[in-house]
Amino acid sequence: DKAKTLPENRESRFAELKLSFGTPAFAPSAQRIPTQVIDEKRQRLQKMRAMASADLSLLGNTAKTFYYQAKFMEDFTDDYEQAVPLSLYYPCYSLMSYDQLRTYFTWRTAVRAGEVTGTSLSYAFLYIYELFHNIGADGPEDGLAKLMSFWQAYRVYDEAIDKYLLEWVKDYHIYYPLARSFHDF
């Protein structure tokens, strides 16, 4: 008596049963459910999310997880048609839904093309966190230039960003060896 194993083909592992009430008893017949087509963007986002659990050195280290996920998504662009809000005090990819990730990367694609628009402050912070890690920048000098440019453009939509960036720009100068000192800056 060997145990019956399911074939490797995932399509044959699931069946849809259609039952009607008020009809005589019958044995329902299984019907195939078509395999869901996963597009490239969804696959990329799934791989990025999986990084947090696949690498044991990242478990419990949200800063390190964020950095590796951000590097993985550095050149990712999107053109999602929806705009789903995000409200997280400490935004990170791991806490975002699929729609929020698509919204963020679509917004970031526009920002990188010079089109800064209003959005949830949490998305703006996420972009700033990327710049702090020089994600999407060619080194600290370029990162600082992009950070300052973004700050000036985004504050039109939400001045709350000022109280954070005033301190964070100082931190950026302390962390990175820049040509000009913060005092000169």
Protein backbone atom coordinates (compact mmCIF):
# COMPACT_ATOMS: atom_id res chain seq x y z
CA ASP A 1 0.00 0.00 0.00
CA LYS A 2 2.02 2.94 -1.26
CA ALA A 3 0.76 6.40 -0.44
CA LYS A 4 -0.67 8.11 -3.44
CA THR A 5 1.35 11.23 -4.29
CA LEU A 6 0.00 14.20 -6.14
CA PRO A 7 1.54 15.04 -9.49
CA GLU A 8 3.99 17.94 -9.64
CA ASN A 9 1.67 19.92 -11.88
CA ARG A 10 -0.02 22.42 -9.52
CA GLU A 11 -3.07 22.67 -11.74
CA SER A 12 -4.12 19.16 -10.83
CA ARG A 13 -3.88 19.75 -7.07
CA PHE A 14 -7.02 21.84 -6.83
CA ALA A 15 -10.57 21.27 -7.88
CA GLU A 16 -13.66 23.43 -7.91
CA LEU A 17 -16.87 21.85 -6.70
CA LYS A 18 -20.23 23.16 -7.82
CA LEU A 19 -23.12 22.17 -5.58
CA SER A 20 -26.77 22.89 -6.14
CA PHE A 21 -29.31 22.67 -3.37
CA GLY A 22 -32.63 20.96 -3.96
CA THR A 23 -31.30 18.44 -6.47
CA PRO A 24 -30.93 14.74 -5.83
CA ALA A 25 -27.72 13.55 -4.19
CA PHE A 26 -24.87 13.26 -6.65
CA ALA A 27 -21.15 12.87 -6.74
CA PRO A 28 -19.68 16.24 -7.73
CA SER A 29 -17.10 16.16 -10.47
CA ALA A 30 -13.83 18.00 -10.10
CA GLN A 31 -13.12 20.81 -12.52
CA ARG A 32 -9.76 22.38 -13.17
CA ILE A 33 -9.09 25.87 -11.92
CA PRO A 34 -6.85 27.70 -14.35
CA THR A 35 -3.40 28.50 -13.05
CA GLN A 36 -3.12 32.13 -11.96
CA VAL A 37 -0.74 33.98 -14.19
CA ILE A 38 1.74 35.90 -12.08
CA ASP A 39 3.15 38.89 -13.91
CA GLU A 40 6.77 40.01 -13.66
CA LYS A 41 6.06 42.86 -11.25
CA ARG A 42 4.19 40.60 -8.82
CA GLN A 43 7.01 38.04 -9.01
CA ARG A 44 9.61 40.72 -8.27
CA LEU A 45 7.63 41.98 -5.28
CA GLN A 46 7.19 38.43 -4.00
CA LYS A 47 10.94 37.80 -4.27
CA MET A 48 11.64 41.04 -2.42
CA ARG A 49 9.26 40.09 0.37
CA ALA A 50 10.68 36.57 0.58
CA MET A 51 14.15 37.97 1.25
CA ALA A 52 13.15 38.76 4.83
CA SER A 53 12.42 35.13 5.67
CA ALA A 54 14.81 33.35 3.30
CA ASP A 55 18.00 34.82 4.78
CA LEU A 56 18.27 33.90 8.47
CA SER A 57 20.75 36.73 9.06
CA LEU A 58 17.94 39.20 8.29
CA LEU A 59 15.46 37.82 10.82
CA GLY A 60 14.62 40.46 13.39
CA ASN A 61 16.90 43.05 11.80
CA THR A 62 14.50 45.44 10.11
CA ALA A 63 17.20 47.95 9.10
CA LYS A 64 19.32 45.30 7.39
CA THR A 65 16.24 43.74 5.79
CA PHE A 66 15.17 47.14 4.48
CA TYR A 67 18.59 47.78 2.96
CA TYR A 68 18.79 44.47 1.11
CA GLN A 69 15.22 44.75 -0.10
CA ALA A 70 15.83 48.34 -1.23
CA LYS A 71 18.98 47.32 -3.14
CA PHE A 72 17.01 44.52 -4.78
CA MET A 73 14.31 46.99 -5.84
CA GLU A 74 16.67 49.85 -6.70
CA ASP A 75 16.03 49.86 -10.45
CA PHE A 76 12.41 48.73 -10.26
CA THR A 77 9.88 50.95 -12.02
CA ASP A 78 6.12 50.72 -12.05
CA ASP A 79 3.03 52.20 -13.67
CA TYR A 80 0.24 51.08 -11.36
CA GLU A 81 -3.09 52.78 -12.02
CA GLN A 82 -4.36 52.81 -8.43
CA ALA A 83 -3.25 55.07 -5.59
CA VAL A 84 -3.58 53.31 -2.24
CA PRO A 85 -2.72 55.36 0.87
CA LEU A 86 -0.16 54.28 3.47
CA SER A 87 -0.08 55.31 7.11
CA LEU A 88 2.85 53.78 9.00
CA TYR A 89 5.00 55.57 11.55
CA TYR A 90 8.03 53.54 10.49
CA PRO A 91 7.26 52.52 6.90
CA CYS A 92 9.03 49.53 5.41
CA TYR A 93 8.30 47.24 2.50
CA SER A 94 7.52 44.26 4.72
CA LEU A 95 4.50 45.97 6.27
CA MET A 96 3.00 47.13 2.99
CA SER A 97 0.28 45.41 0.99
CA TYR A 98 0.72 44.50 -2.66
CA ASP A 99 -1.31 47.55 -3.73
CA GLN A 100 0.68 49.84 -1.44
CA LEU A 101 3.97 48.54 -2.85
CA ARG A 102 2.74 49.09 -6.40
CA THR A 103 1.52 52.58 -5.45
CA TYR A 104 4.87 53.43 -3.86
CA PHE A 105 7.02 52.22 -6.72
CA THR A 106 4.81 54.02 -9.25
CA TRP A 107 5.11 57.24 -7.25
CA ARG A 108 8.88 56.72 -6.83
CA THR A 109 9.25 56.18 -10.59
CA ALA A 110 7.63 59.58 -11.17
CA VAL A 111 9.74 61.25 -8.45
CA ARG A 112 12.93 59.94 -10.03
CA ALA A 113 11.74 61.40 -13.35
CA GLY A 114 11.41 64.80 -11.65
CA GLU A 115 7.64 64.69 -11.03
CA VAL A 116 7.19 65.08 -7.28
CA THR A 117 3.51 64.94 -6.31
CA GLY A 118 1.65 64.80 -3.04
CA THR A 119 1.21 61.38 -1.49
CA SER A 120 1.02 59.77 1.93
CA LEU A 121 3.82 61.06 4.13
CA SER A 122 4.77 57.43 4.81
CA TYR A 123 5.66 56.98 1.11
CA ALA A 124 7.77 60.14 1.26
CA PHE A 125 9.61 58.79 4.31
CA LEU A 126 10.23 55.49 2.56
CA TYR A 127 11.82 57.35 -0.36
CA ILE A 128 13.94 59.38 2.08
CA TYR A 129 15.06 56.18 3.82
CA GLU A 130 16.19 54.87 0.45
CA LEU A 131 18.17 58.04 -0.19
CA PHE A 132 19.79 57.74 3.25
CA HIS A 133 21.14 54.40 2.02
CA ASN A 134 22.05 55.93 -1.36
CA ILE A 135 19.48 53.72 -3.06
CA GLY A 136 18.93 55.35 -6.46
CA ALA A 137 21.89 57.69 -5.95
CA ASP A 138 25.44 57.66 -7.26
CA GLY A 139 27.09 58.04 -3.87
CA PRO A 140 26.70 60.38 -0.89
CA GLU A 141 27.05 63.68 -2.79
CA ASP A 142 24.38 62.68 -5.29
CA GLY A 143 22.23 61.27 -2.48
CA LEU A 144 22.40 64.57 -0.61
CA ALA A 145 21.53 66.53 -3.76
CA LYS A 146 18.52 64.28 -4.40
CA LEU A 147 17.48 64.49 -0.77
CA MET A 148 17.58 68.31 -0.81
CA SER A 149 15.79 68.51 -4.14
CA PHE A 150 13.07 66.15 -2.95
CA TRP A 151 12.70 68.05 0.33
CA GLN A 152 12.14 71.35 -1.46
CA ALA A 153 9.65 69.84 -3.91
CA TYR A 154 7.67 67.74 -1.42
CA ARG A 155 7.31 70.31 1.38
CA VAL A 156 4.78 72.11 -0.83
CA TYR A 157 2.45 69.17 -0.17
CA ASP A 158 3.28 68.53 3.48
CA GLU A 159 5.41 70.85 5.61
CA ALA A 160 5.55 68.22 8.37
CA ILE A 161 8.56 66.85 6.51
CA ASP A 162 10.59 69.89 7.66
CA LYS A 163 10.76 68.90 11.31
CA TYR A 164 12.29 65.53 10.38
CA LEU A 165 14.62 66.48 7.58
CA LEU A 166 16.29 69.32 9.48
CA GLU A 167 17.79 66.74 11.84
CA TRP A 168 18.19 63.96 9.30
CA VAL A 169 20.35 66.10 6.99
CA LYS A 170 22.72 66.66 9.91
CA ASP A 171 22.84 62.89 10.48
CA TYR A 172 23.54 62.36 6.79
CA HIS A 173 26.54 64.70 7.04
CA ILE A 174 27.83 62.89 10.09
CA TYR A 175 27.48 59.45 8.57
CA TYR A 176 28.89 60.09 5.10
CA PRO A 177 32.25 61.62 4.30
CA LEU A 178 31.13 64.61 2.20
CA ALA A 179 33.38 67.14 0.50
CA ARG A 180 31.83 70.05 2.42
CA SER A 181 31.27 70.08 6.17
CA PHE A 182 27.81 70.53 7.53
CA HIS A 183 28.77 74.02 8.72
CA ASP A 184 29.78 74.98 5.16
CA PHE A 185 26.69 73.29 3.79
